[in-house]
Every structure is written in structure tokens, then in C-alpha cells.
N, C-alpha and C. Protein backbone atom coordinates (compact mmCIF):
# COMPACT_ATOMS: atom_id res chain seq x y z
N MET A 1 18.09 -46.18 23.13
CA MET A 1 16.71 -46.56 23.05
C MET A 1 15.81 -45.34 22.85
N ASN A 2 16.08 -44.27 23.63
CA ASN A 2 15.28 -43.06 23.54
C ASN A 2 15.44 -42.40 22.18
N GLU A 3 16.69 -42.38 21.62
CA GLU A 3 16.92 -41.81 20.30
C GLU A 3 16.16 -42.57 19.23
N ARG A 4 16.13 -43.86 19.36
CA ARG A 4 15.43 -44.68 18.38
C ARG A 4 13.92 -44.42 18.44
N LEU A 5 13.39 -44.25 19.63
CA LEU A 5 11.97 -43.94 19.80
C LEU A 5 11.65 -42.57 19.18
N THR A 6 12.53 -41.58 19.40
CA THR A 6 12.34 -40.25 18.81
C THR A 6 12.40 -40.32 17.30
N GLU A 7 13.35 -41.08 16.77
CA GLU A 7 13.48 -41.22 15.32
C GLU A 7 12.27 -41.93 14.73
N MET A 8 11.77 -42.93 15.40
CA MET A 8 10.57 -43.62 14.93
C MET A 8 9.37 -42.68 14.95
N THR A 9 9.30 -41.86 15.97
CA THR A 9 8.21 -40.90 16.05
C THR A 9 8.29 -39.92 14.90
N ARG A 10 9.48 -39.44 14.59
CA ARG A 10 9.68 -38.54 13.46
C ARG A 10 9.28 -39.21 12.16
N LEU A 11 9.71 -40.44 11.98
CA LEU A 11 9.38 -41.19 10.78
C LEU A 11 7.88 -41.40 10.68
N THR A 12 7.26 -41.72 11.79
CA THR A 12 5.80 -41.91 11.80
C THR A 12 5.10 -40.61 11.44
N LYS A 13 5.59 -39.50 11.98
CA LYS A 13 5.00 -38.19 11.65
C LYS A 13 5.12 -37.91 10.16
N MET A 14 6.28 -38.20 9.59
CA MET A 14 6.48 -37.95 8.17
C MET A 14 5.57 -38.84 7.32
N ILE A 15 5.41 -40.08 7.74
CA ILE A 15 4.55 -41.00 7.00
C ILE A 15 3.10 -40.49 7.01
N LEU A 16 2.69 -39.87 8.09
CA LEU A 16 1.34 -39.33 8.18
C LEU A 16 1.22 -37.96 7.52
N LEU A 17 2.24 -37.13 7.66
CA LEU A 17 2.17 -35.77 7.16
C LEU A 17 2.24 -35.66 5.64
N VAL A 18 3.08 -36.44 5.01
CA VAL A 18 3.26 -36.33 3.56
C VAL A 18 1.96 -36.61 2.81
N PRO A 19 1.27 -37.72 3.08
CA PRO A 19 0.00 -37.93 2.37
C PRO A 19 -1.05 -36.86 2.70
N LEU A 20 -1.07 -36.39 3.95
CA LEU A 20 -2.01 -35.33 4.30
C LEU A 20 -1.69 -34.03 3.57
N ALA A 21 -0.42 -33.71 3.43
CA ALA A 21 -0.03 -32.51 2.70
C ALA A 21 -0.42 -32.62 1.23
N ILE A 22 -0.16 -33.78 0.63
CA ILE A 22 -0.54 -33.98 -0.77
C ILE A 22 -2.06 -33.88 -0.93
N LEU A 23 -2.79 -34.49 -0.01
CA LEU A 23 -4.25 -34.41 -0.05
C LEU A 23 -4.72 -32.96 0.10
N GLY A 24 -4.10 -32.21 1.00
CA GLY A 24 -4.45 -30.79 1.18
C GLY A 24 -4.21 -29.98 -0.07
N ILE A 25 -3.09 -30.23 -0.73
CA ILE A 25 -2.78 -29.51 -1.97
C ILE A 25 -3.82 -29.85 -3.04
N LEU A 26 -4.17 -31.12 -3.15
CA LEU A 26 -5.17 -31.53 -4.14
C LEU A 26 -6.54 -30.91 -3.85
N ILE A 27 -6.93 -30.90 -2.58
CA ILE A 27 -8.21 -30.29 -2.21
C ILE A 27 -8.20 -28.79 -2.49
N PHE A 28 -7.11 -28.11 -2.10
CA PHE A 28 -7.00 -26.68 -2.36
C PHE A 28 -7.07 -26.39 -3.86
N THR A 29 -6.37 -27.19 -4.65
CA THR A 29 -6.37 -26.99 -6.10
C THR A 29 -7.76 -27.23 -6.68
N ALA A 30 -8.43 -28.27 -6.21
CA ALA A 30 -9.78 -28.57 -6.73
C ALA A 30 -10.76 -27.46 -6.37
N ILE A 31 -10.73 -27.02 -5.13
CA ILE A 31 -11.64 -25.95 -4.71
C ILE A 31 -11.29 -24.65 -5.45
N GLY A 32 -10.00 -24.34 -5.50
CA GLY A 32 -9.56 -23.12 -6.20
C GLY A 32 -9.93 -23.14 -7.67
N GLY A 33 -9.70 -24.28 -8.32
CA GLY A 33 -10.06 -24.40 -9.74
C GLY A 33 -11.56 -24.25 -9.95
N GLY A 34 -12.34 -24.86 -9.06
CA GLY A 34 -13.80 -24.74 -9.17
C GLY A 34 -14.27 -23.31 -8.97
N VAL A 35 -13.70 -22.63 -7.99
CA VAL A 35 -14.08 -21.23 -7.73
C VAL A 35 -13.69 -20.35 -8.90
N VAL A 36 -12.48 -20.51 -9.42
CA VAL A 36 -12.03 -19.71 -10.56
C VAL A 36 -12.94 -19.97 -11.77
N MET A 37 -13.26 -21.24 -12.03
CA MET A 37 -14.12 -21.57 -13.16
C MET A 37 -15.49 -20.92 -13.01
N LEU A 38 -16.09 -21.05 -11.82
CA LEU A 38 -17.41 -20.46 -11.60
C LEU A 38 -17.40 -18.94 -11.74
N LEU A 39 -16.41 -18.30 -11.13
CA LEU A 39 -16.33 -16.85 -11.22
C LEU A 39 -16.08 -16.38 -12.66
N TRP A 40 -15.17 -17.06 -13.34
CA TRP A 40 -14.88 -16.69 -14.73
C TRP A 40 -16.13 -16.85 -15.59
N ASN A 41 -16.77 -18.01 -15.48
CA ASN A 41 -17.93 -18.29 -16.33
C ASN A 41 -19.12 -17.39 -15.97
N TRP A 42 -19.14 -16.86 -14.77
CA TRP A 42 -20.22 -15.96 -14.37
C TRP A 42 -19.94 -14.54 -14.84
N LEU A 43 -18.67 -14.07 -14.70
CA LEU A 43 -18.36 -12.68 -14.96
C LEU A 43 -17.78 -12.38 -16.33
N ALA A 44 -16.78 -13.13 -16.76
CA ALA A 44 -16.04 -12.79 -17.98
C ALA A 44 -16.92 -12.74 -19.23
N PRO A 45 -17.80 -13.72 -19.46
CA PRO A 45 -18.63 -13.62 -20.67
C PRO A 45 -19.57 -12.42 -20.65
N ALA A 46 -20.16 -12.14 -19.50
CA ALA A 46 -21.11 -11.03 -19.42
C ALA A 46 -20.42 -9.68 -19.50
N LEU A 47 -19.26 -9.54 -18.84
CA LEU A 47 -18.58 -8.25 -18.80
C LEU A 47 -17.73 -7.97 -20.04
N PHE A 48 -17.02 -9.01 -20.51
CA PHE A 48 -16.04 -8.78 -21.57
C PHE A 48 -16.33 -9.55 -22.85
N GLY A 49 -17.37 -10.34 -22.87
CA GLY A 49 -17.71 -11.13 -24.06
C GLY A 49 -16.75 -12.28 -24.31
N LEU A 50 -16.11 -12.79 -23.26
CA LEU A 50 -15.16 -13.90 -23.41
C LEU A 50 -15.91 -15.23 -23.34
N ARG A 51 -15.23 -16.30 -23.78
CA ARG A 51 -15.85 -17.64 -23.77
C ARG A 51 -15.80 -18.26 -22.38
N LEU A 52 -16.64 -19.27 -22.18
CA LEU A 52 -16.62 -20.05 -20.95
C LEU A 52 -15.35 -20.89 -20.90
N ILE A 53 -14.89 -21.24 -19.69
CA ILE A 53 -13.71 -22.09 -19.56
C ILE A 53 -14.09 -23.36 -18.83
N THR A 54 -13.24 -24.39 -19.02
CA THR A 54 -13.44 -25.67 -18.34
C THR A 54 -12.70 -25.67 -17.01
N PHE A 55 -12.92 -26.70 -16.21
CA PHE A 55 -12.24 -26.84 -14.93
C PHE A 55 -10.73 -26.86 -15.13
N TRP A 56 -10.24 -27.59 -16.13
CA TRP A 56 -8.80 -27.72 -16.35
C TRP A 56 -8.21 -26.40 -16.84
N GLN A 57 -8.96 -25.64 -17.58
CA GLN A 57 -8.49 -24.31 -17.98
C GLN A 57 -8.40 -23.39 -16.76
N ALA A 58 -9.34 -23.56 -15.82
CA ALA A 58 -9.29 -22.77 -14.59
C ALA A 58 -8.06 -23.14 -13.76
N ILE A 59 -7.74 -24.43 -13.71
CA ILE A 59 -6.52 -24.86 -13.01
C ILE A 59 -5.29 -24.23 -13.68
N GLY A 60 -5.28 -24.23 -15.00
CA GLY A 60 -4.19 -23.59 -15.74
C GLY A 60 -4.10 -22.10 -15.45
N LEU A 61 -5.25 -21.45 -15.33
CA LEU A 61 -5.28 -20.03 -15.00
C LEU A 61 -4.72 -19.79 -13.60
N LEU A 62 -5.06 -20.67 -12.66
CA LEU A 62 -4.48 -20.58 -11.31
C LEU A 62 -2.96 -20.71 -11.35
N ALA A 63 -2.48 -21.70 -12.13
CA ALA A 63 -1.03 -21.91 -12.25
C ALA A 63 -0.37 -20.69 -12.88
N LEU A 64 -1.00 -20.12 -13.90
CA LEU A 64 -0.44 -18.94 -14.56
C LEU A 64 -0.37 -17.77 -13.59
N CYS A 65 -1.42 -17.58 -12.80
CA CYS A 65 -1.41 -16.50 -11.80
C CYS A 65 -0.30 -16.72 -10.78
N ARG A 66 -0.10 -17.98 -10.39
CA ARG A 66 0.96 -18.31 -9.43
C ARG A 66 2.33 -17.96 -10.00
N ILE A 67 2.51 -18.27 -11.27
CA ILE A 67 3.80 -17.98 -11.91
C ILE A 67 4.00 -16.47 -12.05
N LEU A 68 2.97 -15.76 -12.51
CA LEU A 68 3.10 -14.33 -12.77
C LEU A 68 3.12 -13.48 -11.51
N PHE A 69 2.26 -13.80 -10.55
CA PHE A 69 2.09 -12.95 -9.39
C PHE A 69 2.64 -13.55 -8.11
N GLY A 70 2.99 -14.81 -8.11
CA GLY A 70 3.68 -15.44 -7.00
C GLY A 70 2.89 -15.68 -5.74
N GLY A 71 1.95 -16.46 -5.70
CA GLY A 71 1.32 -16.82 -4.44
C GLY A 71 -0.10 -16.34 -4.32
N PHE A 72 -0.78 -16.90 -3.34
CA PHE A 72 -2.19 -16.58 -3.14
C PHE A 72 -2.42 -15.91 -1.81
N GLY A 73 -1.36 -15.40 -1.17
CA GLY A 73 -1.51 -14.62 0.04
C GLY A 73 -1.56 -15.42 1.33
N LEU A 74 -1.54 -16.73 1.28
CA LEU A 74 -1.65 -17.52 2.50
C LEU A 74 -0.40 -17.43 3.34
N GLY A 75 0.77 -17.46 2.70
CA GLY A 75 2.02 -17.43 3.45
C GLY A 75 2.61 -16.05 3.57
N GLY A 76 1.96 -15.06 3.02
CA GLY A 76 2.48 -13.72 3.09
C GLY A 76 3.58 -13.46 2.09
N GLY A 77 3.84 -14.37 1.17
CA GLY A 77 4.87 -14.15 0.17
C GLY A 77 6.24 -14.07 0.76
N GLY A 78 6.71 -15.16 1.36
CA GLY A 78 7.98 -15.18 2.06
C GLY A 78 9.15 -14.69 1.24
N HIS A 79 9.20 -15.03 -0.02
CA HIS A 79 10.33 -14.60 -0.84
C HIS A 79 10.29 -13.10 -1.07
N ARG A 80 9.11 -12.49 -1.01
CA ARG A 80 9.04 -11.05 -1.20
C ARG A 80 9.39 -10.30 0.06
N SER A 81 9.12 -10.85 1.20
CA SER A 81 9.40 -10.13 2.43
C SER A 81 10.90 -9.89 2.59
N GLY A 82 11.71 -10.84 2.16
CA GLY A 82 13.16 -10.64 2.22
C GLY A 82 13.61 -9.54 1.29
N SER A 83 13.07 -9.51 0.08
CA SER A 83 13.45 -8.47 -0.86
C SER A 83 12.91 -7.11 -0.41
N ARG A 84 11.75 -7.11 0.23
CA ARG A 84 11.19 -5.87 0.75
C ARG A 84 12.09 -5.32 1.86
N ARG A 85 12.57 -6.21 2.74
CA ARG A 85 13.47 -5.77 3.80
C ARG A 85 14.75 -5.19 3.22
N ARG A 86 15.28 -5.85 2.18
CA ARG A 86 16.50 -5.33 1.55
C ARG A 86 16.25 -3.96 0.94
N MET A 87 15.09 -3.80 0.27
CA MET A 87 14.77 -2.52 -0.36
C MET A 87 14.61 -1.44 0.70
N GLU A 88 13.90 -1.75 1.80
CA GLU A 88 13.74 -0.78 2.87
C GLU A 88 15.08 -0.40 3.48
N GLY A 89 15.97 -1.38 3.60
CA GLY A 89 17.31 -1.11 4.12
C GLY A 89 18.07 -0.17 3.20
N ARG A 90 17.95 -0.38 1.88
CA ARG A 90 18.61 0.51 0.92
C ARG A 90 18.03 1.91 0.98
N ILE A 91 16.71 2.00 1.15
CA ILE A 91 16.08 3.32 1.25
C ILE A 91 16.58 4.04 2.50
N ARG A 92 16.59 3.32 3.64
CA ARG A 92 17.10 3.93 4.87
C ARG A 92 18.54 4.39 4.71
N GLU A 93 19.36 3.57 4.05
CA GLU A 93 20.77 3.93 3.85
C GLU A 93 20.88 5.17 2.96
N ARG A 94 20.07 5.25 1.93
CA ARG A 94 20.11 6.41 1.03
C ARG A 94 19.67 7.68 1.76
N VAL A 95 18.62 7.57 2.60
CA VAL A 95 18.17 8.72 3.39
C VAL A 95 19.29 9.17 4.33
N ARG A 96 19.95 8.20 4.96
CA ARG A 96 21.06 8.52 5.86
C ARG A 96 22.18 9.24 5.10
N GLU A 97 22.50 8.75 3.90
CA GLU A 97 23.54 9.38 3.09
C GLU A 97 23.17 10.82 2.74
N ARG A 98 21.93 11.03 2.32
CA ARG A 98 21.50 12.38 1.95
C ARG A 98 21.49 13.31 3.15
N MET A 99 21.07 12.79 4.31
CA MET A 99 21.09 13.63 5.52
C MET A 99 22.52 13.99 5.89
N ASN A 100 23.45 13.04 5.76
CA ASN A 100 24.85 13.34 6.03
C ASN A 100 25.40 14.39 5.07
N GLU A 101 25.01 14.28 3.78
CA GLU A 101 25.45 15.27 2.79
C GLU A 101 24.93 16.66 3.16
N ARG A 102 23.65 16.73 3.53
CA ARG A 102 23.07 18.02 3.91
C ARG A 102 23.74 18.56 5.17
N TRP A 103 24.01 17.69 6.13
CA TRP A 103 24.65 18.10 7.37
C TRP A 103 26.03 18.69 7.10
N GLU A 104 26.77 18.05 6.20
CA GLU A 104 28.11 18.53 5.87
C GLU A 104 28.07 19.90 5.20
N GLN A 105 27.00 20.19 4.47
CA GLN A 105 26.89 21.48 3.77
C GLN A 105 26.37 22.60 4.67
N MET A 106 25.90 22.27 5.86
CA MET A 106 25.37 23.29 6.78
C MET A 106 26.50 24.04 7.46
N THR A 107 26.22 25.31 7.73
CA THR A 107 27.16 26.10 8.53
C THR A 107 26.95 25.73 10.00
N PRO A 108 27.89 26.06 10.86
CA PRO A 108 27.70 25.77 12.30
C PRO A 108 26.42 26.41 12.86
N GLU A 109 26.06 27.60 12.37
CA GLU A 109 24.84 28.26 12.86
C GLU A 109 23.60 27.48 12.41
N GLU A 110 23.60 26.98 11.17
CA GLU A 110 22.46 26.19 10.67
C GLU A 110 22.33 24.88 11.45
N ARG A 111 23.48 24.28 11.77
CA ARG A 111 23.45 23.04 12.54
C ARG A 111 22.84 23.28 13.92
N GLU A 112 23.25 24.38 14.56
CA GLU A 112 22.71 24.68 15.89
C GLU A 112 21.22 24.98 15.82
N ARG A 113 20.79 25.70 14.79
CA ARG A 113 19.37 26.00 14.61
C ARG A 113 18.59 24.70 14.39
N PHE A 114 19.19 23.78 13.64
CA PHE A 114 18.55 22.48 13.41
C PHE A 114 18.42 21.71 14.71
N ARG A 115 19.49 21.69 15.50
CA ARG A 115 19.46 21.01 16.80
C ARG A 115 18.39 21.61 17.71
N GLU A 116 18.30 22.93 17.74
CA GLU A 116 17.29 23.59 18.57
C GLU A 116 15.88 23.21 18.12
N GLY A 117 15.68 23.12 16.82
CA GLY A 117 14.37 22.75 16.29
C GLY A 117 14.00 21.32 16.64
N THR A 118 14.95 20.43 16.67
CA THR A 118 14.64 19.04 16.99
C THR A 118 14.42 18.83 18.49
N ARG A 119 15.05 19.64 19.33
CA ARG A 119 14.88 19.49 20.78
C ARG A 119 13.44 19.76 21.20
N GLY A 120 12.79 20.73 20.59
CA GLY A 120 11.44 21.10 20.97
C GLY A 120 10.41 20.05 20.56
N ARG A 121 10.72 19.19 19.60
CA ARG A 121 9.77 18.19 19.11
C ARG A 121 10.20 16.77 19.44
N GLY A 122 11.13 16.61 20.32
CA GLY A 122 11.57 15.27 20.67
C GLY A 122 12.33 14.60 19.54
N GLY A 123 13.01 15.37 18.70
CA GLY A 123 13.81 14.81 17.62
C GLY A 123 13.06 14.64 16.31
N VAL A 124 11.79 15.01 16.26
CA VAL A 124 11.00 14.83 15.04
C VAL A 124 11.07 16.10 14.21
N THR A 125 11.46 15.98 12.95
CA THR A 125 11.51 17.11 12.05
C THR A 125 10.75 16.78 10.78
N THR A 126 10.45 17.79 10.01
CA THR A 126 9.85 17.59 8.70
C THR A 126 10.82 18.14 7.67
N PRO A 127 10.67 17.77 6.40
CA PRO A 127 11.58 18.27 5.37
C PRO A 127 11.55 19.78 5.25
N LEU A 128 10.47 20.45 5.64
CA LEU A 128 10.36 21.89 5.50
C LEU A 128 11.06 22.64 6.62
N ASP A 129 11.40 21.95 7.73
CA ASP A 129 12.00 22.63 8.87
C ASP A 129 13.29 23.35 8.52
N SER A 130 14.12 22.75 7.68
CA SER A 130 15.40 23.37 7.37
C SER A 130 15.22 24.59 6.47
N ASN A 131 14.12 24.66 5.71
CA ASN A 131 13.91 25.78 4.79
C ASN A 131 13.04 26.87 5.40
N SER A 132 12.34 26.60 6.50
CA SER A 132 11.37 27.55 7.03
C SER A 132 12.02 28.80 7.60
N SER A 133 13.21 28.70 8.16
CA SER A 133 13.84 29.87 8.77
C SER A 133 14.82 30.55 7.83
N VAL A 134 15.01 30.05 6.63
CA VAL A 134 15.96 30.64 5.68
C VAL A 134 15.34 31.78 4.94
């Protein structure tokens, strides 16, 4: 009985949410298209000598921007955040590899001098630290 009540509640939520979501998308598109049309018709002809556009052309411009640039900033660009994390991970890995390569090329005296330099700053070094005493 309780499962059926929960399922009915879920179904009821979906019945209410889907039309509201569609309505929200339509309102957002209408407002966005109107704003784009007004801004374009106000700025583009005066600044660049371009023609005025209609509401439907503004909607098309919004769609084109969505395709080319991917989003309007509301969700933070979820698909990009994953690729950004992967890129940052690759950068960190490459820095680690280069530091390991440099470490392997150091003499024991250079390694000790490097360790001494990092102890005084709590482990923080700059790229110039290894060249400053050479």
C-alpha cells in the first residue's frame, strides 16, 4: 500500500512537473528571443549598419549561439566541467612527470639543497628556486 502511494505521488509529480517545465522553456525562449531582438535592433544597425531582425530570427540566433557556444550560463556548462577536470588532471600529471624528470637529473647535493629550500617555506617553491643558487 505504501509503495503504491509513493508511486502515485511520483506519477502526480511528473504530471505536474512536465507541463511546468515545458511552460518554463517556452517562457524563457520568448523572453530571450524578445531581449535578443530588442538588443540587436537597437545596437547592430547603429554600430555595424546591419538590418533589423524579427522575433523568429532572434530565436534562431539564440539557437545558433546555443549550438556554437553551448549554453547560457545557468547550469554552469555541465559538459564542460567534466572536460575541464580531465584537462586539469592531465596538466597536473604532466607537471608531475616533468618534476620527476628534473629530480632524476639532479645530483644528491642539488636534491639536498632543494629540500633545504622547501623546508624554510613550508614546501612552497618557485620555478626560479632551482636556478638561483647555480
